[in-house]
């Protein structure tokens, strides 16, 4: 299980940067300059480790120090806080990849800071109403991207489609991500395409969980390497 609440030990993950390396909060319009850009997050499960969230943030861009969590009187985190990125590109990638994503079975909210301390949602990203992104796996390696994209586009308009492949061989990994223009389209994809038979294999389709998606792409989803074959 690669979820944050029950995944590998902290020693198996890249440690976060020292807290004293975190710069002062950024100000002004992050789109206009090169100052670190702040991202607000909330609705994180209380049992999800902080170092686990740190790793997720670092997957999307260079982070300035550690993510800062609001805390209870006993020192435990409240499931919300902020993280500063070095560039606007990193912050935008974080919002795109994590806003509305399922982490430990909770849909987290990730929003951009407008530089005045008030978080704002990027209108091109996931709305509060639900995730637009679905993850699919267990697809035969010889299934073409065009065939799969057609299947997913039959249930709703697609903004982005990705069939993941090996960086060295170029061979399909049998999994990928589809981003729709609406949450309802993503729901239809799960309803109509989950367990769809493709060359004798039932395709798995569900809302994207970033860590599980990464694990499946690397053959570490707990069901054996090469699930797409």
Protein backbone atom coordinates (compact mmCIF):
# COMPACT_ATOMS: atom_id res chain seq x y z
CA UNK A 1 0.00 0.00 0.00
CA UNK A 2 1.64 3.24 -1.13
CA UNK A 3 -0.82 5.59 0.50
CA UNK A 4 0.61 8.18 2.84
CA UNK A 5 -0.93 6.70 5.96
CA UNK A 6 0.48 3.23 5.42
CA UNK A 7 3.25 3.44 2.86
CA UNK A 8 7.00 2.90 3.08
CA UNK A 9 8.88 4.21 6.09
CA UNK A 10 10.23 7.74 6.11
CA UNK A 11 13.73 6.39 5.58
CA UNK A 12 12.76 5.18 2.12
CA UNK A 13 11.70 8.64 1.00
CA UNK A 14 13.79 11.68 0.15
CA UNK A 15 14.03 13.81 3.32
CA UNK A 16 12.59 17.32 3.20
CA UNK A 17 14.86 20.36 3.07
CA UNK A 18 15.92 21.95 6.38
CA UNK A 19 13.29 24.26 7.82
CA UNK A 20 15.78 27.10 8.23
CA UNK A 21 16.25 27.28 4.46
CA UNK A 22 12.69 28.51 3.95
CA UNK A 23 12.68 32.14 2.72
CA UNK A 24 10.39 34.90 3.79
CA UNK A 25 6.87 34.73 2.31
CA UNK A 26 6.63 36.00 -1.24
CA UNK A 27 4.59 39.02 -2.19
CA UNK A 28 3.21 40.61 -5.31
CA UNK A 29 1.91 38.91 -8.41
CA UNK A 30 3.75 35.56 -8.77
CA UNK A 31 3.08 35.55 -12.50
CA UNK A 32 5.06 38.74 -12.97
CA UNK A 33 8.43 37.81 -11.44
CA UNK A 34 10.71 35.06 -10.27
CA UNK A 35 9.96 35.17 -6.55
CA UNK A 36 8.85 31.98 -4.80
CA UNK A 37 5.17 31.30 -5.32
CA UNK A 38 2.98 30.18 -2.46
CA UNK A 39 0.41 27.42 -2.74
CA UNK A 40 -2.28 26.77 -0.13
CA UNK A 41 -3.54 23.26 0.58
CA UNK A 42 -6.27 21.81 2.78
CA UNK A 43 -8.46 18.76 3.43
CA UNK A 44 -5.41 16.55 3.94
CA UNK A 45 -6.17 13.51 6.10
CA UNK A 46 -4.92 14.05 9.65
CA UNK A 47 -3.11 10.70 9.49
CA UNK A 48 -1.21 11.54 6.30
CA UNK A 49 2.45 12.14 7.27
CA UNK A 50 3.89 15.56 6.61
CA UNK A 51 6.97 14.12 4.91
CA UNK A 52 4.65 12.27 2.54
CA UNK A 53 2.95 15.50 1.47
CA UNK A 54 6.38 17.12 1.15
CA UNK A 55 7.39 14.44 -1.32
CA UNK A 56 4.24 14.99 -3.39
CA UNK A 57 4.91 18.72 -3.58
CA UNK A 58 8.54 18.17 -4.57
CA UNK A 59 7.44 15.97 -7.47
CA UNK A 60 5.95 19.04 -9.17
CA UNK A 61 8.73 21.58 -8.73
CA UNK A 62 11.55 22.88 -6.57
CA UNK A 63 10.24 23.73 -3.12
CA UNK A 64 11.58 26.42 -0.78
CA UNK A 65 12.11 24.52 2.46
CA UNK A 66 9.34 22.53 4.11
CA UNK A 67 5.58 22.75 3.71
CA UNK A 68 4.12 24.62 6.67
CA UNK A 69 1.11 23.04 8.41
CA UNK A 70 -1.39 24.62 10.78
CA UNK A 71 -1.21 22.74 14.08
CA UNK A 72 -3.38 21.64 16.96
CA UNK A 73 -2.39 22.22 20.58
CA UNK A 74 -0.77 18.79 20.75
CA UNK A 75 1.46 19.53 17.75
CA UNK A 76 -0.40 17.39 15.22
CA UNK A 77 -1.26 18.99 11.89
CA UNK A 78 -4.76 20.20 10.99
CA UNK A 79 -4.63 19.00 7.40
CA UNK A 80 -4.02 22.43 5.90
CA UNK A 81 -1.18 24.85 5.31
CA UNK A 82 1.03 26.28 2.58
CA UNK A 83 4.17 25.53 0.60
CA UNK A 84 6.46 27.94 -1.29
CA UNK A 85 7.87 27.08 -4.72
CA UNK A 86 10.92 28.60 -6.38
CA UNK A 87 9.06 29.37 -9.62
CA UNK A 88 5.56 30.06 -10.84
CA UNK A 89 5.88 27.04 -13.11
CA UNK A 90 6.39 24.74 -10.15
CA UNK A 91 3.43 26.18 -8.27
CA UNK A 92 1.17 25.89 -11.31
CA UNK A 93 2.26 22.29 -11.86
CA UNK A 94 1.45 21.53 -8.23
CA UNK A 95 -2.07 22.94 -8.56
CA UNK A 96 -2.64 21.07 -11.79
CA UNK A 97 -1.36 17.78 -10.46
CA UNK A 98 -2.78 17.77 -6.94
CA UNK A 99 -5.90 19.94 -6.74
CA UNK A 100 -8.83 17.56 -6.43
CA UNK A 101 -6.58 14.49 -6.29
CA UNK A 102 -7.29 11.63 -3.89
CA UNK A 103 -4.61 11.25 -1.23
CA UNK A 104 -5.37 8.60 1.39
CA UNK A 105 -8.94 8.53 0.06
CA UNK A 106 -9.50 12.25 0.65
CA UNK A 107 -9.88 14.79 -2.14
CA UNK A 108 -7.40 17.52 -1.29
CA UNK A 109 -7.71 21.17 -2.28
CA UNK A 110 -4.66 23.01 -3.64
CA UNK A 111 -4.89 26.69 -4.63
CA UNK A 112 -2.60 29.48 -5.75
CA UNK A 113 -1.87 32.49 -3.59
CA UNK A 114 -2.54 35.81 -5.31
CA UNK A 115 0.31 37.43 -3.36
CA UNK A 116 -1.99 39.20 -0.90
CA UNK A 117 -2.55 36.20 1.36
CA UNK A 118 -5.88 35.22 -0.14
CA UNK A 119 -5.88 31.88 -1.97
CA UNK A 120 -7.41 31.74 -5.41
CA UNK A 121 -8.22 28.74 -7.56
CA UNK A 122 -6.68 28.58 -11.00
CA UNK A 123 -9.78 28.57 -13.30
CA UNK A 124 -8.10 26.07 -15.63
CA UNK A 125 -7.67 23.50 -12.89
CA UNK A 126 -9.85 21.23 -10.81
CA UNK A 127 -12.94 22.90 -9.30
CA UNK A 128 -14.09 22.32 -5.73
CA UNK A 129 -16.93 20.19 -7.08
CA UNK A 130 -14.59 17.27 -7.80
CA UNK A 131 -11.63 15.96 -9.70
CA UNK A 132 -11.44 16.12 -13.49
CA UNK A 133 -8.60 13.62 -13.74
CA UNK A 134 -8.88 9.83 -13.97
CA UNK A 135 -6.15 7.23 -13.92
CA UNK A 136 -6.31 4.03 -15.96
CA UNK A 137 -4.19 0.87 -15.89
CA UNK A 138 -4.14 -2.84 -16.76
CA UNK A 139 -4.18 -2.07 -20.48
CA UNK A 140 -2.32 -4.44 -22.84
CA UNK A 141 1.00 -2.99 -23.95
CA UNK A 142 0.12 -3.18 -27.64
CA UNK A 143 -3.01 -1.02 -27.24
CA UNK A 144 -2.53 2.23 -29.15
CA UNK A 145 -2.91 5.69 -27.62
CA UNK A 146 -5.33 6.62 -30.39
CA UNK A 147 -7.63 3.72 -29.57
CA UNK A 148 -7.68 4.57 -25.87
CA UNK A 149 -8.15 8.29 -26.41
CA UNK A 150 -11.15 7.56 -28.61
CA UNK A 151 -12.70 5.40 -25.90
CA UNK A 152 -12.25 8.10 -23.27
CA UNK A 153 -13.44 10.89 -25.57
CA UNK A 154 -16.70 9.01 -26.16
CA UNK A 155 -17.84 9.90 -22.64
CA UNK A 156 -16.75 13.55 -22.54
CA UNK A 157 -14.46 16.26 -23.89
CA UNK A 158 -10.81 15.66 -23.03
CA UNK A 159 -8.37 18.42 -22.09
CA UNK A 160 -5.31 16.18 -21.81
CA UNK A 161 -4.53 12.51 -22.49
CA UNK A 162 -1.37 10.64 -21.52
CA UNK A 163 -0.48 7.01 -22.16
CA UNK A 164 2.68 6.48 -20.15
CA UNK A 165 5.68 4.80 -21.72
CA UNK A 166 9.15 3.68 -20.71
CA UNK A 167 11.65 6.51 -21.10
CA UNK A 168 14.31 4.20 -22.52
CA UNK A 169 12.43 1.70 -24.68
CA UNK A 170 9.38 3.81 -25.52
CA UNK A 171 7.22 0.81 -24.71
CA UNK A 172 3.79 1.46 -23.24
CA UNK A 173 3.41 0.88 -19.51
CA UNK A 174 -0.26 0.05 -19.93
CA UNK A 175 -1.43 2.97 -17.80
CA UNK A 176 -2.00 6.69 -18.01
CA UNK A 177 -4.03 9.75 -17.06
CA UNK A 178 -6.96 11.51 -18.69
CA UNK A 179 -8.02 15.04 -17.76
CA UNK A 180 -11.55 16.07 -18.73
CA UNK A 181 -13.02 19.55 -18.89
CA UNK A 182 -15.54 18.69 -16.17
CA UNK A 183 -15.95 16.51 -13.12
CA UNK A 184 -19.12 14.97 -14.55
CA UNK A 185 -17.20 13.73 -17.60
CA UNK A 186 -14.63 12.10 -15.31
CA UNK A 187 -17.47 10.42 -13.42
CA UNK A 188 -18.90 9.07 -16.67
CA UNK A 189 -15.51 7.68 -17.64
CA UNK A 190 -15.36 5.70 -14.41
CA UNK A 191 -18.94 4.53 -14.73
CA UNK A 192 -18.72 3.39 -18.36
CA UNK A 193 -15.05 2.44 -18.82
CA UNK A 194 -14.01 0.82 -15.56
CA UNK A 195 -13.61 -2.93 -16.17
CA UNK A 196 -14.04 -2.44 -19.92
CA UNK A 197 -12.61 -5.48 -21.67
CA UNK A 198 -9.62 -4.61 -23.86
CA UNK A 199 -8.13 -7.62 -25.59
CA UNK A 200 -9.17 -9.87 -22.76
CA UNK A 201 -8.08 -7.59 -19.91
CA UNK A 202 -10.42 -5.48 -17.71
CA UNK A 203 -9.19 -1.88 -17.73
CA UNK A 204 -9.12 -0.22 -14.32
CA UNK A 205 -10.38 3.40 -14.27
CA UNK A 206 -10.68 5.57 -11.15
CA UNK A 207 -10.07 9.12 -9.97
CA UNK A 208 -6.36 9.87 -9.95
CA UNK A 209 -4.42 9.32 -6.74
CA UNK A 210 -0.96 10.81 -7.53
CA UNK A 211 1.10 8.36 -5.51
CA UNK A 212 -0.79 5.25 -6.61
CA UNK A 213 -0.58 6.41 -10.21
CA UNK A 214 3.19 6.82 -9.91
CA UNK A 215 3.51 3.43 -8.23
CA UNK A 216 1.50 1.71 -10.96
CA UNK A 217 3.58 3.37 -13.67
CA UNK A 218 6.68 1.91 -12.04
CA UNK A 219 5.08 -1.51 -11.49
CA UNK A 220 4.90 -0.97 -7.72
CA UNK A 221 1.13 -1.05 -7.24
CA UNK A 222 1.29 -4.11 -5.07
CA UNK A 223 0.01 -6.44 -7.77
CA UNK A 224 3.22 -7.24 -9.53
CA UNK A 225 5.31 -5.49 -12.13
CA UNK A 226 4.06 -5.24 -15.65
CA UNK A 227 0.35 -4.95 -14.95
CA UNK A 228 -0.28 -3.69 -18.45
CA UNK A 229 0.99 -6.85 -20.09
